PDB file of N, CA and C in Angstrom:
ATOM      1  N   MET A   1      90.269  92.159 117.824  1.00  0.00           N
ATOM      2  CA  MET A   1      89.441  92.121 118.719  1.00  0.00           C
ATOM      3  C   MET A   1      89.697  91.709 120.423  1.00  0.00           C
ATOM      4  N   ASP A   2      89.117  91.681 120.780  1.00  0.00           N
ATOM      5  CA  ASP A   2      88.280  91.528 122.119  1.00  0.00           C
ATOM      6  C   ASP A   2      87.145  90.427 121.934  1.00  0.00           C
ATOM      7  N   ASP A   3      87.513  89.969 123.029  1.00  0.00           N
ATOM      8  CA  ASP A   3      85.738  88.508 122.806  1.00  0.00           C
ATOM      9  C   ASP A   3      84.750  88.641 124.169  1.00  0.00           C
ATOM     10  N   VAL A   4      83.931  89.194 124.021  1.00  0.00           N
ATOM     11  CA  VAL A   4      82.797  88.674 125.076  1.00  0.00           C
ATOM     12  C   VAL A   4      83.481  88.800 127.043  1.00  0.00           C
ATOM     13  N   THR A   5      84.503  87.740 126.906  1.00  0.00           N
ATOM     14  CA  THR A   5      84.580  88.158 127.822  1.00  0.00           C
ATOM     15  C   THR A   5      86.124  88.702 128.602  1.00  0.00           C
ATOM     16  N   GLY A   6      86.410  89.521 127.681  1.00  0.00           N
ATOM     17  CA  GLY A   6      87.792  90.197 128.272  1.00  0.00           C
ATOM     18  C   GLY A   6      86.735  91.927 127.369  1.00  0.00           C
ATOM     19  N   THR A   7      85.282  91.636 128.293  1.00  0.00           N
ATOM     20  CA  THR A   7      84.843  93.215 128.253  1.00  0.00           C
ATOM     21  C   THR A   7      84.043  93.192 129.563  1.00  0.00           C
ATOM     22  N   LEU A   8      84.061  94.906 129.477  1.00  0.00           N
ATOM     23  CA  LEU A   8      82.625  94.620 131.411  1.00  0.00           C
ATOM     24  C   LEU A   8      81.818  95.418 130.048  1.00  0.00           C
ATOM     25  N   PRO A   9      80.266  95.780 130.682  1.00  0.00           N
ATOM     26  CA  PRO A   9      79.521  95.469 130.953  1.00  0.00           C
ATOM     27  C   PRO A   9      79.017  97.533 129.903  1.00  0.00           C
ATOM     28  N   PRO A  10      78.818  97.398 128.789  1.00  0.00           N
ATOM     29  CA  PRO A  10      77.094  97.238 128.217  1.00  0.00           C
ATOM     30  C   PRO A  10      77.556  96.656 126.697  1.00  0.00           C
ATOM     31  N   TYR A  11      78.734  96.304 126.670  1.00  0.00           N
ATOM     32  CA  TYR A  11      80.640  95.457 125.348  1.00  0.00           C
ATOM     33  C   TYR A  11      80.001  94.135 125.554  1.00  0.00           C
ATOM     34  N   ASP A  12      79.739  93.379 126.464  1.00  0.00           N
ATOM     35  CA  ASP A  12      80.483  91.982 127.586  1.00  0.00           C
ATOM     36  C   ASP A  12      79.053  90.764 126.267  1.00  0.00           C
ATOM     37  N   GLN A  13      78.598  91.462 125.638  1.00  0.00           N
ATOM     38  CA  GLN A  13      77.433  91.167 124.943  1.00  0.00           C
ATOM     39  C   GLN A  13      78.273  91.204 123.471  1.00  0.00           C
ATOM     40  N   PHE A  14      78.734  91.401 122.876  1.00  0.00           N
ATOM     41  CA  PHE A  14      79.103  92.379 121.997  1.00  0.00           C
ATOM     42  C   PHE A  14      80.948  91.332 121.737  1.00  0.00           C
ATOM     43  N   ILE A  15      81.345  91.933 120.163  1.00  0.00           N
ATOM     44  CA  ILE A  15      83.241  91.556 119.913  1.00  0.00           C
ATOM     45  C   ILE A  15      83.201  93.286 120.299  1.00  0.00           C
ATOM     46  N   VAL A  16      84.627  93.347 120.308  1.00  0.00           N
ATOM     47  CA  VAL A  16      84.913  94.575 120.303  1.00  0.00           C
ATOM     48  C   VAL A  16      86.524  94.634 119.229  1.00  0.00           C
ATOM     49  N   LEU A  17      85.850  95.169 117.998  1.00  0.00           N
ATOM     50  CA  LEU A  17      87.174  95.271 117.205  1.00  0.00           C
ATOM     51  C   LEU A  17      88.466  95.873 117.187  1.00  0.00           C
ATOM     52  N   GLY A  18      89.180  96.092 117.041  1.00  0.00           N
ATOM     53  CA  GLY A  18      90.527  96.789 116.937  1.00  0.00           C
ATOM     54  C   GLY A  18      90.379  98.051 115.895  1.00  0.00           C
ATOM     55  N   PRO A  19      90.912  98.940 115.241  1.00  0.00           N
ATOM     56  CA  PRO A  19      90.955  99.638 114.439  1.00  0.00           C
ATOM     57  C   PRO A  19      91.117  99.227 112.541  1.00  0.00           C
ATOM     58  N   ASP A  20      90.552 100.019 111.873  1.00  0.00           N
ATOM     59  CA  ASP A  20      90.455  99.003 110.580  1.00  0.00           C
ATOM     60  C   ASP A  20      92.478  99.547 110.159  1.00  0.00           C
ATOM     61  N   ASN A  21      92.599 100.051 110.440  1.00  0.00           N
ATOM     62  CA  ASN A  21      94.377 100.614 109.496  1.00  0.00           C
ATOM     63  C   ASN A  21      95.591 100.588 111.379  1.00  0.00           C
ATOM     64  N   PRO A  22      95.785  99.129 111.715  1.00  0.00           N
ATOM     65  CA  PRO A  22      95.950  99.666 112.822  1.00  0.00           C
ATOM     66  C   PRO A  22      97.748  99.927 112.692  1.00  0.00           C
ATOM     67  N   GLN A  23      98.815 100.008 111.651  1.00  0.00           N
ATOM     68  CA  GLN A  23      99.326 100.811 111.044  1.00  0.00           C
ATOM     69  C   GLN A  23      99.476 102.420 111.601  1.00  0.00           C
ATOM     70  N   ALA A  24      98.848 102.786 110.207  1.00  0.00           N
ATOM     71  CA  ALA A  24      98.012 103.926 110.596  1.00  0.00           C
ATOM     72  C   ALA A  24      97.272 104.703 111.946  1.00  0.00           C
ATOM     73  N   VAL A  25      96.905 103.842 112.857  1.00  0.00           N
ATOM     74  CA  VAL A  25      96.702 104.825 113.714  1.00  0.00           C
ATOM     75  C   VAL A  25      97.553 105.124 114.679  1.00  0.00           C
ATOM     76  N   VAL A  26      99.036 103.820 115.151  1.00  0.00           N
ATOM     77  CA  VAL A  26      99.668 103.648 115.704  1.00  0.00           C
ATOM     78  C   VAL A  26     101.464 105.305 115.331  1.00  0.00           C
ATOM     79  N   ASP A  27     100.943 105.432 113.899  1.00  0.00           N
ATOM     80  CA  ASP A  27     101.864 106.648 112.854  1.00  0.00           C
ATOM     81  C   ASP A  27     101.345 107.465 113.411  1.00  0.00           C
ATOM     82  N   GLU A  28     100.356 107.660 114.063  1.00  0.00           N
ATOM     83  CA  GLU A  28      99.367 109.262 113.486  1.00  0.00           C
ATOM     84  C   GLU A  28      99.394 109.299 115.418  1.00  0.00           C
ATOM     85  N   ILE A  29      99.737 108.840 115.959  1.00  0.00           N
ATOM     86  CA  ILE A  29     100.350 108.995 117.547  1.00  0.00           C
ATOM     87  C   ILE A  29     101.568 109.247 117.555  1.00  0.00           C
ATOM     88  N   LYS A  30     101.867 108.643 116.971  1.00  0.00           N
ATOM     89  CA  LYS A  30     104.108 109.461 117.017  1.00  0.00           C
ATOM     90  C   LYS A  30     103.741 110.172 116.746  1.00  0.00           C
ATOM     91  N   ARG A  31     102.799 111.144 115.155  1.00  0.00           N
ATOM     92  CA  ARG A  31     103.359 111.677 114.442  1.00  0.00           C
ATOM     93  C   ARG A  31     102.562 113.090 115.978  1.00  0.00           C
ATOM     94  N   GLU A  32     101.610 113.053 116.198  1.00  0.00           N
ATOM     95  CA  GLU A  32     100.866 113.918 116.643  1.00  0.00           C
ATOM     96  C   GLU A  32     101.884 113.955 118.108  1.00  0.00           C
ATOM     97  N   THR A  33     102.432 112.730 119.090  1.00  0.00           N
ATOM     98  CA  THR A  33     102.582 113.352 119.902  1.00  0.00           C
ATOM     99  C   THR A  33     103.924 113.151 120.451  1.00  0.00           C
ATOM    100  N   GLY A  34     104.984 112.136 119.130  1.00  0.00           N
ATOM    101  CA  GLY A  34     106.749 111.034 119.583  1.00  0.00           C
ATOM    102  C   GLY A  34     106.735 110.467 120.371  1.00  0.00           C
ATOM    103  N   LEU A  35     105.967 110.461 120.830  1.00  0.00           N
ATOM    104  CA  LEU A  35     105.700 108.965 121.830  1.00  0.00           C
ATOM    105  C   LEU A  35     106.196 108.098 120.613  1.00  0.00           C
ATOM    106  N   ALA A  36     106.677 106.606 120.575  1.00  0.00           N
ATOM    107  CA  ALA A  36     106.301 105.214 120.088  1.00  0.00           C
ATOM    108  C   ALA A  36     105.635 104.626 120.761  1.00  0.00           C
ATOM    109  N   CYS A  37     105.094 103.844 119.622  1.00  0.00           N
ATOM    110  CA  CYS A  37     103.164 102.890 120.676  1.00  0.00           C
ATOM    111  C   CYS A  37     102.895 101.439 120.052  1.00  0.00           C
ATOM    112  N   ALA A  38     102.443 101.142 120.434  1.00  0.00           N
ATOM    113  CA  ALA A  38     102.610  99.955 118.708  1.00  0.00           C
ATOM    114  C   ALA A  38     100.451  99.205 120.170  1.00  0.00           C
ATOM    115  N   ILE A  39      99.659  98.670 118.988  1.00  0.00           N
ATOM    116  CA  ILE A  39      98.249  98.516 118.846  1.00  0.00           C
ATOM    117  C   ILE A  39      98.959  96.742 119.634  1.00  0.00           C
ATOM    118  N   VAL A  40      97.981  96.418 120.597  1.00  0.00           N
ATOM    119  CA  VAL A  40      99.140  94.656 120.981  1.00  0.00           C
ATOM    120  C   VAL A  40      97.294  94.315 121.102  1.00  0.00           C
ATOM    121  N   ASP A  41      96.629  92.869 120.988  1.00  0.00           N
ATOM    122  CA  ASP A  41      96.012  92.075 121.605  1.00  0.00           C
ATOM    123  C   ASP A  41      97.061  91.368 122.835  1.00  0.00           C
ATOM    124  N   VAL A  42      96.442  91.044 124.193  1.00  0.00           N
ATOM    125  CA  VAL A  42      96.991  90.404 124.601  1.00  0.00           C
ATOM    126  C   VAL A  42      96.463  89.872 125.748  1.00  0.00           C
ATOM    127  N   ASN A  43      96.483  88.761 126.553  1.00  0.00           N
ATOM    128  CA  ASN A  43      95.354  87.532 127.059  1.00  0.00           C
ATOM    129  C   ASN A  43      96.361  86.919 127.966  1.00  0.00           C
ATOM    130  N   ASP A  44      95.376  85.763 129.078  1.00  0.00           N
ATOM    131  CA  ASP A  44      95.957  85.796 130.786  1.00  0.00           C
ATOM    132  C   ASP A  44      97.065  84.225 129.698  1.00  0.00           C
ATOM    133  N   LEU A  45      96.310  83.856 128.334  1.00  0.00           N
ATOM    134  CA  LEU A  45      97.094  82.741 128.209  1.00  0.00           C
ATOM    135  C   LEU A  45      98.880  83.020 127.786  1.00  0.00           C
ATOM    136  N   ARG A  46      99.417  83.286 127.881  1.00  0.00           N
ATOM    137  CA  ARG A  46     100.605  84.302 127.681  1.00  0.00           C
ATOM    138  C   ARG A  46     101.155  83.989 125.713  1.00  0.00           C
ATOM    139  N   ARG A  47      99.765  84.815 124.834  1.00  0.00           N
ATOM    140  CA  ARG A  47     100.243  85.085 123.578  1.00  0.00           C
ATOM    141  C   ARG A  47     100.183  86.655 123.998  1.00  0.00           C
ATOM    142  N   VAL A  48     100.199  87.094 123.128  1.00  0.00           N
ATOM    143  CA  VAL A  48     100.808  87.879 122.625  1.00  0.00           C
ATOM    144  C   VAL A  48     100.566  88.500 121.586  1.00  0.00           C
ATOM    145  N   LYS A  49      99.505  89.108 120.023  1.00  0.00           N
ATOM    146  CA  LYS A  49     100.060  89.396 119.011  1.00  0.00           C
ATOM    147  C   LYS A  49      99.982  90.785 118.879  1.00  0.00           C
ATOM    148  N   VAL A  50     100.636  91.046 118.598  1.00  0.00           N
ATOM    149  CA  VAL A  50     101.543  92.278 117.804  1.00  0.00           C
ATOM    150  C   VAL A  50     100.327  92.938 116.391  1.00  0.00           C
ATOM    151  N   LEU A  51     100.058  93.862 116.692  1.00  0.00           N
ATOM    152  CA  LEU A  51      98.627  94.356 115.488  1.00  0.00           C
ATOM    153  C   LEU A  51      99.894  94.953 114.628  1.00  0.00           C
ATOM    154  N   ALA A  52     100.373  95.824 115.509  1.00  0.00           N
ATOM    155  CA  ALA A  52     101.039  97.803 114.527  1.00  0.00           C
ATOM    156  C   ALA A  52     102.131  98.410 115.570  1.00  0.00           C
ATOM    157  N   ALA A  53     102.766  98.804 115.187  1.00  0.00           N
ATOM    158  CA  ALA A  53     103.914  98.830 115.484  1.00  0.00           C
ATOM    159  C   ALA A  53     104.981 100.285 115.567  1.00  0.00           C
ATOM    160  N   THR A  54     105.049 101.673 115.519  1.00  0.00           N
ATOM    161  CA  THR A  54     106.279 102.640 115.324  1.00  0.00           C
ATOM    162  C   THR A  54     107.616 101.814 114.749  1.00  0.00           C
ATOM    163  N   ALA A  55     108.110 102.519 114.202  1.00  0.00           N
ATOM    164  CA  ALA A  55     108.815 102.698 113.356  1.00  0.00           C
ATOM    165  C   ALA A  55     110.057 102.580 114.575  1.00  0.00           C
ATOM    166  N   GLY A  56     111.222 101.640 115.279  1.00  0.00           N
ATOM    167  CA  GLY A  56     111.786 101.136 116.506  1.00  0.00           C
ATOM    168  C   GLY A  56     112.089 100.934 117.357  1.00  0.00           C
ATOM    169  N   VAL A  57     110.194  99.862 117.718  1.00  0.00           N
ATOM    170  CA  VAL A  57     110.422  99.342 118.623  1.00  0.00           C
ATOM    171  C   VAL A  57     109.929  97.866 118.964  1.00  0.00           C
ATOM    172  N   SER A  58     110.424  97.552 119.150  1.00  0.00           N
ATOM    173  CA  SER A  58     110.444  95.681 119.140  1.00  0.00           C
ATOM    174  C   SER A  58     109.902  94.705 119.128  1.00  0.00           C
ATOM    175  N   GLU A  59     109.513  94.104 118.805  1.00  0.00           N
ATOM    176  CA  GLU A  59     108.972  92.931 119.309  1.00  0.00           C
ATOM    177  C   GLU A  59     109.039  92.313 120.052  1.00  0.00           C
ATOM    178  N   THR A  60     110.200  91.816 119.589  1.00  0.00           N
ATOM    179  CA  THR A  60     111.077  90.200 121.030  1.00  0.00           C
ATOM    180  C   THR A  60     110.203  91.048 122.976  1.00  0.00           C
ATOM    181  N   PHE A  61     110.567  93.335 122.373  1.00  0.00           N
ATOM    182  CA  PHE A  61     110.838  93.842 123.671  1.00  0.00           C
ATOM    183  C   PHE A  61     108.896  94.053 124.530  1.00  0.00           C
ATOM    184  N   LEU A  62     107.815  94.135 123.293  1.00  0.00           N
ATOM    185  CA  LEU A  62     106.563  93.342 123.393  1.00  0.00           C
ATOM    186  C   LEU A  62     106.631  92.662 123.393  1.00  0.00           C
ATOM    187  N   ASN A  63     106.910  91.267 123.830  1.00  0.00           N
ATOM    188  CA  ASN A  63     106.263  89.845 123.863  1.00  0.00           C
ATOM    189  C   ASN A  63     106.374  89.410 124.963  1.00  0.00           C
ATOM    190  N   ASP A  64     108.099  90.244 125.089  1.00  0.00           N
ATOM    191  CA  ASP A  64     108.339  89.655 126.672  1.00  0.00           C
ATOM    192  C   ASP A  64     107.885  90.605 127.835  1.00  0.00           C
ATOM    193  N   ALA A  65     107.846  91.680 127.704  1.00  0.00           N
ATOM    194  CA  ALA A  65     107.198  93.016 128.234  1.00  0.00           C
ATOM    195  C   ALA A  65     105.405  92.177 128.924  1.00  0.00           C
ATOM    196  N   LEU A  66     105.244  91.694 127.467  1.00  0.00           N
ATOM    197  CA  LEU A  66     103.616  91.751 128.004  1.00  0.00           C
ATOM    198  C   LEU A  66     102.748  90.390 127.858  1.00  0.00           C
ATOM    199  N   ARG A  67     103.993  89.663 128.045  1.00  0.00           N
ATOM    200  CA  ARG A  67     103.506  88.389 128.570  1.00  0.00           C
ATOM    201  C   ARG A  67     103.215  87.222 129.834  1.00  0.00           C
ATOM    202  N   SER A  68     103.228  87.930 130.009  1.00  0.00           N
ATOM    203  CA  SER A  68     102.835  87.797 131.695  1.00  0.00           C
ATOM    204  C   SER A  68     101.354  88.336 132.158  1.00  0.00           C
ATOM    205  N   ASN A  69     100.685  89.502 131.248  1.00  0.00           N
ATOM    206  CA  ASN A  69      99.539  90.258 130.902  1.00  0.00           C
ATOM    207  C   ASN A  69      99.096  91.360 132.121  1.00  0.00           C
ATOM    208  N   PRO A  70     100.973  92.511 131.913  1.00  0.00           N
ATOM    209  CA  PRO A  70     100.369  92.996 133.772  1.00  0.00           C
ATOM    210  C   PRO A  70      99.029  93.687 133.693  1.00  0.00           C
ATOM    211  N   ALA A  71      98.524  93.917 132.150  1.00  0.00           N
ATOM    212  CA  ALA A  71      97.542  95.362 132.414  1.00  0.00           C
ATOM    213  C   ALA A  71      96.174  94.520 133.100  1.00  0.00           C
ATOM    214  N   GLY A  72      96.266  92.805 133.203  1.00  0.00           N
ATOM    215  CA  GLY A  72      94.889  91.642 134.083  1.00  0.00           C
ATOM    216  C   GLY A  72      94.007  91.411 132.461  1.00  0.00           C
ATOM    217  N   ASN A  73      93.130  90.519 132.743  1.00  0.00           N
ATOM    218  CA  ASN A  73      91.734  90.551 131.260  1.00  0.00           C
ATOM    219  C   ASN A  73      90.831  89.852 131.724  1.00  0.00           C
ATOM    220  N   ALA A  74      90.274  90.958 132.900  1.00  0.00           N
ATOM    221  CA  ALA A  74      88.816  90.882 133.697  1.00  0.00           C
ATOM    222  C   ALA A  74      88.339  92.246 133.757  1.00  0.00           C
ATOM    223  N   ASP A  75      88.214  92.784 134.830  1.00  0.00           N
ATOM    224  CA  ASP A  75      87.638  94.543 134.236  1.00  0.00           C
ATOM    225  C   ASP A  75      88.931  94.963 134.764  1.00  0.00           C
ATOM    226  N   GLU A  76      89.954  94.983 134.507  1.00  0.00           N
ATOM    227  CA  GLU A  76      90.986  95.563 135.176  1.00  0.00           C
ATOM    228  C   GLU A  76      90.883  97.598 134.987  1.00  0.00           C
ATOM    229  N   GLN A  77      90.269  97.075 133.500  1.00  0.00           N
ATOM    230  CA  GLN A  77      89.759  98.742 132.205  1.00  0.00           C
ATOM    231  C   GLN A  77      90.843  99.379 131.913  1.00  0.00           C
ATOM    232  N   THR A  78      92.168  98.793 131.388  1.00  0.00           N
ATOM    233  CA  THR A  78      92.860  99.081 131.796  1.00  0.00           C
ATOM    234  C   THR A  78      94.071  98.904 129.650  1.00  0.00           C
ATOM    235  N   PRO A  79      93.297  99.701 128.678  1.00  0.00           N
ATOM    236  CA  PRO A  79      93.686  99.459 127.690  1.00  0.00           C
ATOM    237  C   PRO A  79      94.704 100.049 127.049  1.00  0.00           C
ATOM    238  N   VAL A  80      94.977 100.833 127.991  1.00  0.00           N
ATOM    239  CA  VAL A  80      96.432 100.765 127.444  1.00  0.00           C
ATOM    240  C   VAL A  80      97.341 101.122 128.450  1.00  0.00           C
ATOM    241  N   VAL A  81      98.660 100.630 128.102  1.00  0.00           N
ATOM    242  CA  VAL A  81      99.502 100.264 128.788  1.00  0.00           C
ATOM    243  C   VAL A  81     100.862 100.904 127.909  1.00  0.00           C
ATOM    244  N   LEU A  82     101.475 102.532 129.462  1.00  0.00           N
ATOM    245  CA  LEU A  82     103.163 102.470 128.952  1.00  0.00           C
ATOM    246  C   LEU A  82     104.249 101.355 129.766  1.00  0.00           C
ATOM    247  N   LEU A  83     104.925 101.279 128.190  1.00  0.00           N
ATOM    248  CA  LEU A  83     105.929 100.162 129.074  1.00  0.00           C
ATOM    249  C   LEU A  83     107.395 101.088 128.867  1.00  0.00           C
ATOM    250  N   ARG A  84     108.776 101.037 129.501  1.00  0.00           N
ATOM    251  CA  ARG A  84     109.544 101.119 129.529  1.00  0.00           C
ATOM    252  C   ARG A  84     110.868 100.308 129.461  1.00  0.00           C
ATOM    253  N   PRO A  85     112.066 100.237 128.348  1.00  0.00           N
ATOM    254  CA  PRO A  85     112.910  99.057 129.123  1.00  0.00           C
ATOM    255  C   PRO A  85     113.665  99.686 130.621  1.00  0.00           C
ATOM    256  N   LEU A  86     114.052  98.596 130.872  1.00  0.00           N
ATOM    257  CA  LEU A  86     114.948  98.897 131.958  1.00  0.00           C
ATOM    258  C   LEU A  86     116.710  98.856 131.601  1.00  0.00           C
ATOM    259  N   THR A  87     116.918  99.178 130.951  1.00  0.00           N
ATOM    260  CA  THR A  87     118.610 100.017 130.786  1.00  0.00           C
ATOM    261  C   THR A  87     118.561 100.834 130.261  1.00  0.00           C
TER     262      THR A  87
END
C-alpha cells in the first residue's frame, strides 16, 4: 500500500493498494517470464517490507539492496526495480 505522499496526481488523493494475492502475482511473473521477482514496499525511512517473493529470492538480499530506497520516494515513477547480486 502506498500513501498519498508517495504518489503523483491524480493518485495523490487516494491510497494505492498492492495486489490482493502478491504471492500469486510473483509466481505468475516467474512462470510467464522465467525471472525471479518480489513485491516489496520500500520507503525513505530505510524500511523494506517484502510482501511476496519467488522461490530462491533472498529476503536478506532484498533488504540489503533496497534499504537505501534506490528508486526514490517522490516523483521518480519507478514501479519496477531490477536487482542483480554483485557476485
